[in-house]
Amino acid sequence: MICDISITKYYCFERRPVMWTIGEVKSIGKAAFKANYWKCVLVALILGAVSGAATYSIRERSEYDPKEVATAFIYGLSAEELRAIIAFFAGLIGLVLLIGFLIQIFIKNPLQVGCYRFFKKNVEDGQAELGIIGEGFGDYGRVFVTLLLRDIFLCLWSLLFLIPGIIKMYSYRMVPYIVKDNPELSATEVITKSREMMNGHKWKAFLLDLSFIGWIFLGLITCGIVFVFWTAPYMESADAALYVELSK
């Protein structure tokens, strides 16, 4: 059967079982990573740095707690001064959260798309160029809306407890790849395609991630050195290899 419309083509593809193993995906990813080692390390470092900046505001929440109020009482501040201090810290936390959110949607998301596209091209061609990262900012409006919608959906699902959020995280895992490979699809269609592409593969994708636990632990005990120069680019390459396998 030949299908002309991308969505229809995808549904035809879904009727056929997709067979892949964790070992094969990791082997493909490792080979692509080693063939273009330093560029993969750099791109993974960029992706990790931007992701860290976007989530920094979450860690900031624990920096201020009720102890600040208790300390104020000890030093005998007036009620007005206490309210001013509380308002100041509340505004500061709100500003940090806002900056983190803006970094997430305007910078981190397009960079994520570009970095994922780099790893995907590197798996396919073996020698991807760093300039591919900039492709995440092409068709910016569509990329912006698609990943913003993905983040909103993930946030809403996470509010239903941790497990539903994790499941949907795997459902939407392929969104950054699909959004550039299928420019004719709308934001909701991209998300739907990712969800359907991952049907029947979420558990094995989780096991794929879990198979890197030794490398992640080694990265922790080496203060991040192994993580930067091996684990992170290796994981990103394996993830790109998984997408390539599922989209054949």
C-alpha atoms as a PDB file:
ATOM      1  CA  MET A   1       0.000   0.000   0.000  1.00  0.00           C
ATOM      2  CA  ILE A   2       1.324   3.446  -0.942  1.00  0.00           C
ATOM      3  CA  CYS A   3       0.133   6.400   1.071  1.00  0.00           C
ATOM      4  CA  ASP A   4       0.626   9.985  -0.121  1.00  0.00           C
ATOM      5  CA  ILE A   5      -0.347  11.880   3.011  1.00  0.00           C
ATOM      6  CA  SER A   6       2.190  11.812   5.826  1.00  0.00           C
ATOM      7  CA  ILE A   7      -0.326  11.116   8.582  1.00  0.00           C
ATOM      8  CA  THR A   8      -1.873   8.306   6.532  1.00  0.00           C
ATOM      9  CA  LYS A   9       1.543   6.909   5.771  1.00  0.00           C
ATOM     10  CA  TYR A  10       2.266   6.819   9.448  1.00  0.00           C
ATOM     11  CA  TYR A  11      -0.897   4.941  10.253  1.00  0.00           C
ATOM     12  CA  CYS A  12      -0.036   2.375   7.582  1.00  0.00           C
ATOM     13  CA  PHE A  13       3.351   2.024   9.209  1.00  0.00           C
ATOM     14  CA  GLU A  14       1.758   1.490  12.631  1.00  0.00           C
ATOM     15  CA  ARG A  15      -0.020  -1.651  11.465  1.00  0.00           C
ATOM     16  CA  ARG A  16       3.336  -3.382  10.985  1.00  0.00           C
ATOM     17  CA  PRO A  17       5.249  -4.483  14.084  1.00  0.00           C
ATOM     18  CA  VAL A  18       8.459  -2.569  14.723  1.00  0.00           C
ATOM     19  CA  MET A  19      11.173  -4.817  16.102  1.00  0.00           C
ATOM     20  CA  TRP A  20      14.202  -3.348  17.821  1.00  0.00           C
ATOM     21  CA  THR A  21      16.466  -4.351  20.662  1.00  0.00           C
ATOM     22  CA  ILE A  22      18.199  -2.227  23.256  1.00  0.00           C
ATOM     23  CA  GLY A  23      21.565  -3.660  22.248  1.00  0.00           C
ATOM     24  CA  GLU A  24      21.072  -2.767  18.585  1.00  0.00           C
ATOM     25  CA  VAL A  25      19.966   0.788  19.344  1.00  0.00           C
ATOM     26  CA  LYS A  26      22.884   1.363  21.711  1.00  0.00           C
ATOM     27  CA  SER A  27      25.309  -0.125  19.212  1.00  0.00           C
ATOM     28  CA  ILE A  28      24.072   2.161  16.422  1.00  0.00           C
ATOM     29  CA  GLY A  29      24.174   5.186  18.713  1.00  0.00           C
ATOM     30  CA  LYS A  30      27.656   4.394  20.015  1.00  0.00           C
ATOM     31  CA  ALA A  31      29.056   3.920  16.501  1.00  0.00           C
ATOM     32  CA  ALA A  32      27.629   7.267  15.360  1.00  0.00           C
ATOM     33  CA  PHE A  33      28.883   8.981  18.523  1.00  0.00           C
ATOM     34  CA  LYS A  34      32.426   7.613  18.215  1.00  0.00           C
ATOM     35  CA  ALA A  35      32.557   8.519  14.514  1.00  0.00           C
ATOM     36  CA  ASN A  36      31.916  12.181  15.338  1.00  0.00           C
ATOM     37  CA  TYR A  37      33.114  12.265  18.932  1.00  0.00           C
ATOM     38  CA  TRP A  38      33.979  15.877  19.737  1.00  0.00           C
ATOM     39  CA  LYS A  39      30.999  17.406  17.966  1.00  0.00           C
ATOM     40  CA  CYS A  40      28.653  15.031  19.780  1.00  0.00           C
ATOM     41  CA  VAL A  41      30.249  15.954  23.108  1.00  0.00           C
ATOM     42  CA  LEU A  42      29.850  19.657  22.372  1.00  0.00           C
ATOM     43  CA  VAL A  43      26.216  19.383  21.284  1.00  0.00           C
ATOM     44  CA  ALA A  44      25.307  17.264  24.320  1.00  0.00           C
ATOM     45  CA  LEU A  45      27.061  19.820  26.529  1.00  0.00           C
ATOM     46  CA  ILE A  46      25.061  22.659  24.967  1.00  0.00           C
ATOM     47  CA  LEU A  47      21.823  20.734  25.413  1.00  0.00           C
ATOM     48  CA  GLY A  48      22.628  19.917  29.028  1.00  0.00           C
ATOM     49  CA  ALA A  49      23.689  23.479  29.838  1.00  0.00           C
ATOM     50  CA  VAL A  50      20.509  25.018  28.450  1.00  0.00           C
ATOM     51  CA  SER A  51      18.337  22.406  30.156  1.00  0.00           C
ATOM     52  CA  GLY A  52      20.076  23.141  33.436  1.00  0.00           C
ATOM     53  CA  ALA A  53      19.501  26.877  33.056  1.00  0.00           C
ATOM     54  CA  ALA A  54      15.823  26.295  32.305  1.00  0.00           C
ATOM     55  CA  THR A  55      15.302  24.190  35.449  1.00  0.00           C
ATOM     56  CA  TYR A  56      17.460  26.317  37.764  1.00  0.00           C
ATOM     57  CA  SER A  57      14.385  28.169  38.969  1.00  0.00           C
ATOM     58  CA  ILE A  58      12.905  24.932  40.313  1.00  0.00           C
ATOM     59  CA  ARG A  59      15.873  24.401  42.591  1.00  0.00           C
ATOM     60  CA  GLU A  60      15.633  27.991  43.756  1.00  0.00           C
ATOM     61  CA  ARG A  61      12.293  27.281  45.401  1.00  0.00           C
ATOM     62  CA  SER A  62      13.972  25.512  48.303  1.00  0.00           C
ATOM     63  CA  GLU A  63      16.397  28.349  49.000  1.00  0.00           C
ATOM     64  CA  TYR A  64      13.871  30.431  50.970  1.00  0.00           C
ATOM     65  CA  ASP A  65      11.620  28.908  53.606  1.00  0.00           C
ATOM     66  CA  PRO A  66       9.763  29.894  56.796  1.00  0.00           C
ATOM     67  CA  LYS A  67      13.081  30.189  58.635  1.00  0.00           C
ATOM     68  CA  GLU A  68      13.414  33.622  57.027  1.00  0.00           C
ATOM     69  CA  VAL A  69      10.279  34.755  58.857  1.00  0.00           C
ATOM     70  CA  ALA A  70      11.470  33.266  62.163  1.00  0.00           C
ATOM     71  CA  THR A  71      14.795  35.069  61.790  1.00  0.00           C
ATOM     72  CA  ALA A  72      12.938  38.327  61.200  1.00  0.00           C
ATOM     73  CA  PHE A  73      11.003  37.876  64.438  1.00  0.00           C
ATOM     74  CA  ILE A  74      14.223  37.218  66.344  1.00  0.00           C
ATOM     75  CA  TYR A  75      15.629  40.530  65.216  1.00  0.00           C
ATOM     76  CA  GLY A  76      12.424  42.335  66.224  1.00  0.00           C
ATOM     77  CA  LEU A  77      11.240  43.603  62.847  1.00  0.00           C
ATOM     78  CA  SER A  78       7.903  45.360  62.647  1.00  0.00           C
ATOM     79  CA  ALA A  79       4.886  43.875  60.862  1.00  0.00           C
ATOM     80  CA  GLU A  80       5.369  46.265  57.943  1.00  0.00           C
ATOM     81  CA  GLU A  81       9.015  45.268  57.607  1.00  0.00           C
ATOM     82  CA  LEU A  82       8.090  41.601  57.734  1.00  0.00           C
ATOM     83  CA  ARG A  83       5.514  42.067  54.968  1.00  0.00           C
ATOM     84  CA  ALA A  84       8.055  43.960  52.891  1.00  0.00           C
ATOM     85  CA  ILE A  85      10.627  41.162  53.298  1.00  0.00           C
ATOM     86  CA  ILE A  86       8.095  38.462  52.441  1.00  0.00           C
ATOM     87  CA  ALA A  87       6.934  40.421  49.387  1.00  0.00           C
ATOM     88  CA  PHE A  88      10.524  40.914  48.274  1.00  0.00           C
ATOM     89  CA  PHE A  89      11.374  37.210  48.447  1.00  0.00           C
ATOM     90  CA  ALA A  90       8.071  36.226  46.850  1.00  0.00           C
ATOM     91  CA  GLY A  91       8.767  38.618  43.990  1.00  0.00           C
ATOM     92  CA  LEU A  92      12.332  37.326  43.659  1.00  0.00           C
ATOM     93  CA  ILE A  93      11.169  33.707  43.473  1.00  0.00           C
ATOM     94  CA  GLY A  94       8.488  34.681  40.960  1.00  0.00           C
ATOM     95  CA  LEU A  95      11.074  36.492  38.828  1.00  0.00           C
ATOM     96  CA  VAL A  96      13.412  33.479  38.867  1.00  0.00           C
ATOM     97  CA  LEU A  97      10.533  31.191  37.868  1.00  0.00           C
ATOM     98  CA  LEU A  98       9.525  33.558  35.067  1.00  0.00           C
ATOM     99  CA  ILE A  99      13.081  33.754  33.722  1.00  0.00           C
ATOM    100  CA  GLY A 100      13.331  29.966  33.818  1.00  0.00           C
ATOM    101  CA  PHE A 101      10.036  29.644  31.932  1.00  0.00           C
ATOM    102  CA  LEU A 102      11.117  32.158  29.271  1.00  0.00           C
ATOM    103  CA  ILE A 103      14.449  30.380  28.805  1.00  0.00           C
ATOM    104  CA  GLN A 104      12.551  27.113  28.476  1.00  0.00           C
ATOM    105  CA  ILE A 105      10.148  28.178  25.736  1.00  0.00           C
ATOM    106  CA  PHE A 106      12.215  30.707  23.769  1.00  0.00           C
ATOM    107  CA  ILE A 107      15.737  29.252  23.904  1.00  0.00           C
ATOM    108  CA  LYS A 108      15.858  25.738  25.360  1.00  0.00           C
ATOM    109  CA  ASN A 109      13.061  24.244  23.253  1.00  0.00           C
ATOM    110  CA  PRO A 110      14.373  25.387  19.833  1.00  0.00           C
ATOM    111  CA  LEU A 111      17.904  24.399  20.875  1.00  0.00           C
ATOM    112  CA  GLN A 112      16.597  21.017  21.950  1.00  0.00           C
ATOM    113  CA  VAL A 113      15.050  20.516  18.519  1.00  0.00           C
ATOM    114  CA  GLY A 114      18.304  21.547  16.822  1.00  0.00           C
ATOM    115  CA  CYS A 115      20.458  19.323  19.043  1.00  0.00           C
ATOM    116  CA  TYR A 116      18.161  16.340  18.541  1.00  0.00           C
ATOM    117  CA  ARG A 117      18.268  16.932  14.810  1.00  0.00           C
ATOM    118  CA  PHE A 118      22.073  16.965  14.958  1.00  0.00           C
ATOM    119  CA  PHE A 119      22.162  13.575  16.678  1.00  0.00           C
ATOM    120  CA  LYS A 120      19.591  12.164  14.278  1.00  0.00           C
ATOM    121  CA  LYS A 121      21.579  13.333  11.252  1.00  0.00           C
ATOM    122  CA  ASN A 122      24.754  12.002  12.821  1.00  0.00           C
ATOM    123  CA  VAL A 123      23.181   8.561  13.225  1.00  0.00           C
ATOM    124  CA  GLU A 124      22.059   8.625   9.605  1.00  0.00           C
ATOM    125  CA  ASP A 125      25.165  10.151   8.001  1.00  0.00           C
ATOM    126  CA  GLY A 126      27.954   9.623  10.532  1.00  0.00           C
ATOM    127  CA  GLN A 127      29.423  13.122  10.228  1.00  0.00           C
ATOM    128  CA  ALA A 128      26.809  15.759  11.060  1.00  0.00           C
ATOM    129  CA  GLU A 129      27.891  19.400  11.172  1.00  0.00           C
ATOM    130  CA  LEU A 130      27.399  21.701  14.151  1.00  0.00           C
ATOM    131  CA  GLY A 131      25.420  24.158  12.015  1.00  0.00           C
ATOM    132  CA  ILE A 132      22.488  21.745  12.126  1.00  0.00           C
ATOM    133  CA  ILE A 133      21.775  22.979  15.666  1.00  0.00           C
ATOM    134  CA  GLY A 134      20.507  26.232  14.177  1.00  0.00           C
ATOM    135  CA  GLU A 135      17.754  24.387  12.331  1.00  0.00           C
ATOM    136  CA  GLY A 136      15.806  24.335  15.569  1.00  0.00           C
ATOM    137  CA  PHE A 137      15.207  28.059  15.118  1.00  0.00           C
ATOM    138  CA  GLY A 138      13.923  27.569  11.570  1.00  0.00           C
ATOM    139  CA  ASP A 139      10.128  27.637  11.289  1.00  0.00           C
ATOM    140  CA  TYR A 140      10.383  29.144  14.751  1.00  0.00           C
ATOM    141  CA  GLY A 141       6.696  29.822  15.334  1.00  0.00           C
ATOM    142  CA  ARG A 142       5.678  26.218  14.679  1.00  0.00           C
ATOM    143  CA  VAL A 143       8.524  24.809  16.781  1.00  0.00           C
ATOM    144  CA  PHE A 144       7.658  27.238  19.575  1.00  0.00           C
ATOM    145  CA  VAL A 145       3.956  26.319  19.623  1.00  0.00           C
ATOM    146  CA  THR A 146       4.552  22.569  19.317  1.00  0.00           C
ATOM    147  CA  LEU A 147       7.017  22.250  22.178  1.00  0.00           C
ATOM    148  CA  LEU A 148       5.126  24.731  24.344  1.00  0.00           C
ATOM    149  CA  LEU A 149       2.013  22.616  23.886  1.00  0.00           C
ATOM    150  CA  ARG A 150       4.037  19.500  24.729  1.00  0.00           C
ATOM    151  CA  ASP A 151       5.324  21.123  27.922  1.00  0.00           C
ATOM    152  CA  ILE A 152       1.812  22.179  28.936  1.00  0.00           C
ATOM    153  CA  PHE A 153       0.481  18.669  28.391  1.00  0.00           C
ATOM    154  CA  LEU A 154       3.350  17.182  30.396  1.00  0.00           C
ATOM    155  CA  CYS A 155       2.749  19.646  33.214  1.00  0.00           C
ATOM    156  CA  LEU A 156      -0.969  18.830  33.330  1.00  0.00           C
ATOM    157  CA  TRP A 157      -0.322  15.092  33.280  1.00  0.00           C
ATOM    158  CA  SER A 158       2.285  15.458  36.024  1.00  0.00           C
ATOM    159  CA  LEU A 159      -0.315  17.129  38.222  1.00  0.00           C
ATOM    160  CA  LEU A 160      -2.150  13.788  38.217  1.00  0.00           C
ATOM    161  CA  PHE A 161       0.799  12.255  40.145  1.00  0.00           C
ATOM    162  CA  LEU A 162       4.265  11.213  39.083  1.00  0.00           C
ATOM    163  CA  ILE A 163       3.571   8.008  37.128  1.00  0.00           C
ATOM    164  CA  PRO A 164       1.163   9.522  34.531  1.00  0.00           C
ATOM    165  CA  GLY A 165       3.679  12.311  33.937  1.00  0.00           C
ATOM    166  CA  ILE A 166       6.504   9.831  33.331  1.00  0.00           C
ATOM    167  CA  ILE A 167       4.351   7.775  30.957  1.00  0.00           C
ATOM    168  CA  LYS A 168       3.447  10.857  28.925  1.00  0.00           C
ATOM    169  CA  MET A 169       7.080  11.961  28.915  1.00  0.00           C
ATOM    170  CA  TYR A 170       7.858   8.779  26.999  1.00  0.00           C
ATOM    171  CA  SER A 171       4.776   9.239  24.800  1.00  0.00           C
ATOM    172  CA  TYR A 172       5.989  12.687  23.709  1.00  0.00           C
ATOM    173  CA  ARG A 173       9.648  11.673  23.493  1.00  0.00           C
ATOM    174  CA  MET A 174       9.829  11.920  19.690  1.00  0.00           C
ATOM    175  CA  VAL A 175       8.216  15.359  19.364  1.00  0.00           C
ATOM    176  CA  PRO A 176      11.542  17.261  18.870  1.00  0.00           C
ATOM    177  CA  TYR A 177      12.456  14.923  16.003  1.00  0.00           C
ATOM    178  CA  ILE A 178       9.054  14.796  14.312  1.00  0.00           C
ATOM    179  CA  VAL A 179       8.483  18.552  14.335  1.00  0.00           C
ATOM    180  CA  LYS A 180      11.374  19.069  11.869  1.00  0.00           C
ATOM    181  CA  ASP A 181      11.003  15.869   9.872  1.00  0.00           C
ATOM    182  CA  ASN A 182       7.316  16.565   9.174  1.00  0.00           C
ATOM    183  CA  PRO A 183       6.901  20.300   8.486  1.00  0.00           C
ATOM    184  CA  GLU A 184       3.421  19.722   7.061  1.00  0.00           C
ATOM    185  CA  LEU A 185       2.028  18.583  10.430  1.00  0.00           C
ATOM    186  CA  SER A 186       0.387  20.921  12.926  1.00  0.00           C
ATOM    187  CA  ALA A 187       1.477  21.081  16.573  1.00  0.00           C
ATOM    188  CA  THR A 188      -1.250  18.702  17.762  1.00  0.00           C
ATOM    189  CA  GLU A 189      -0.568  16.305  14.888  1.00  0.00           C
ATOM    190  CA  VAL A 190       3.131  16.180  15.804  1.00  0.00           C
ATOM    191  CA  ILE A 191       2.266  15.324  19.407  1.00  0.00           C
ATOM    192  CA  THR A 192      -0.266  12.716  18.279  1.00  0.00           C
ATOM    193  CA  LYS A 193       2.251  11.131  15.935  1.00  0.00           C
ATOM    194  CA  SER A 194       4.836  10.896  18.709  1.00  0.00           C
ATOM    195  CA  ARG A 195       2.295   9.307  21.026  1.00  0.00           C
ATOM    196  CA  GLU A 196       1.299   6.726  18.431  1.00  0.00           C
ATOM    197  CA  MET A 197       4.892   6.075  17.374  1.00  0.00           C
ATOM    198  CA  MET A 198       5.732   5.242  20.997  1.00  0.00           C
ATOM    199  CA  ASN A 199       2.726   2.946  21.473  1.00  0.00           C
ATOM    200  CA  GLY A 200       4.095  -0.432  22.524  1.00  0.00           C
ATOM    201  CA  HIS A 201       7.620   0.958  22.936  1.00  0.00           C
ATOM    202  CA  LYS A 202       7.478   3.060  26.107  1.00  0.00           C
ATOM    203  CA  TRP A 203       8.503   0.264  28.484  1.00  0.00           C
ATOM    204  CA  LYS A 204      11.415  -0.806  26.311  1.00  0.00           C
ATOM    205  CA  ALA A 205      12.480   2.854  25.943  1.00  0.00           C
ATOM    206  CA  PHE A 206      12.448   3.080  29.745  1.00  0.00           C
ATOM    207  CA  LEU A 207      14.667  -0.011  29.914  1.00  0.00           C
ATOM    208  CA  LEU A 208      16.954   1.608  27.331  1.00  0.00           C
ATOM    209  CA  ASP A 209      17.373   4.608  29.627  1.00  0.00           C
ATOM    210  CA  LEU A 210      17.821   2.341  32.625  1.00  0.00           C
ATOM    211  CA  SER A 211      20.644   0.509  30.857  1.00  0.00           C
ATOM    212  CA  PHE A 212      22.755   3.677  31.182  1.00  0.00           C
ATOM    213  CA  ILE A 213      22.501   3.727  34.989  1.00  0.00           C
ATOM    214  CA  GLY A 214      26.072   2.492  35.391  1.00  0.00           C
ATOM    215  CA  TRP A 215      27.442   5.256  33.170  1.00  0.00           C
ATOM    216  CA  ILE A 216      25.315   7.845  34.991  1.00  0.00           C
ATOM    217  CA  PHE A 217      26.633   6.665  38.355  1.00  0.00           C
ATOM    218  CA  LEU A 218      30.197   6.752  37.036  1.00  0.00           C
ATOM    219  CA  GLY A 219      29.552  10.316  35.902  1.00  0.00           C
ATOM    220  CA  LEU A 220      28.431  11.252  39.420  1.00  0.00           C
ATOM    221  CA  ILE A 221      31.480   9.830  41.156  1.00  0.00           C
ATOM    222  CA  THR A 222      33.797  11.572  38.675  1.00  0.00           C
ATOM    223  CA  CYS A 223      32.130  14.960  39.307  1.00  0.00           C
ATOM    224  CA  GLY A 224      30.468  14.940  35.891  1.00  0.00           C
ATOM    225  CA  ILE A 225      33.602  14.327  33.811  1.00  0.00           C
ATOM    226  CA  VAL A 226      32.495  10.947  32.450  1.00  0.00           C
ATOM    227  CA  PHE A 227      28.957  12.257  31.988  1.00  0.00           C
ATOM    228  CA  VAL A 228      30.132  15.163  29.826  1.00  0.00           C
ATOM    229  CA  PHE A 229      32.664  13.274  27.729  1.00  0.00           C
ATOM    230  CA  TRP A 230      30.817   9.977  27.326  1.00  0.00           C
ATOM    231  CA  THR A 231      27.465   9.324  29.013  1.00  0.00           C
ATOM    232  CA  ALA A 232      25.422  12.312  27.805  1.00  0.00           C
ATOM    233  CA  PRO A 233      26.418  12.192  24.102  1.00  0.00           C
ATOM    234  CA  TYR A 234      26.132   8.396  24.159  1.00  0.00           C
ATOM    235  CA  MET A 235      22.573   8.577  25.549  1.00  0.00           C
ATOM    236  CA  GLU A 236      21.533  11.269  23.068  1.00  0.00           C
ATOM    237  CA  SER A 237      22.964   9.236  20.183  1.00  0.00           C
ATOM    238  CA  ALA A 238      21.117   6.118  21.328  1.00  0.00           C
ATOM    239  CA  ASP A 239      17.887   8.101  21.597  1.00  0.00           C
ATOM    240  CA  ALA A 240      18.352   9.370  18.039  1.00  0.00           C
ATOM    241  CA  ALA A 241      19.040   5.810  16.898  1.00  0.00           C
ATOM    242  CA  LEU A 242      15.763   4.736  18.502  1.00  0.00           C
ATOM    243  CA  TYR A 243      13.887   7.411  16.584  1.00  0.00           C
ATOM    244  CA  VAL A 244      15.515   6.346  13.321  1.00  0.00           C
ATOM    245  CA  GLU A 245      14.529   2.725  13.985  1.00  0.00           C
ATOM    246  CA  LEU A 246      10.927   3.600  14.832  1.00  0.00           C
ATOM    247  CA  SER A 247      10.520   5.915  11.835  1.00  0.00           C
ATOM    248  CA  LYS A 248      11.771   3.450   9.205  1.00  0.00           C
END
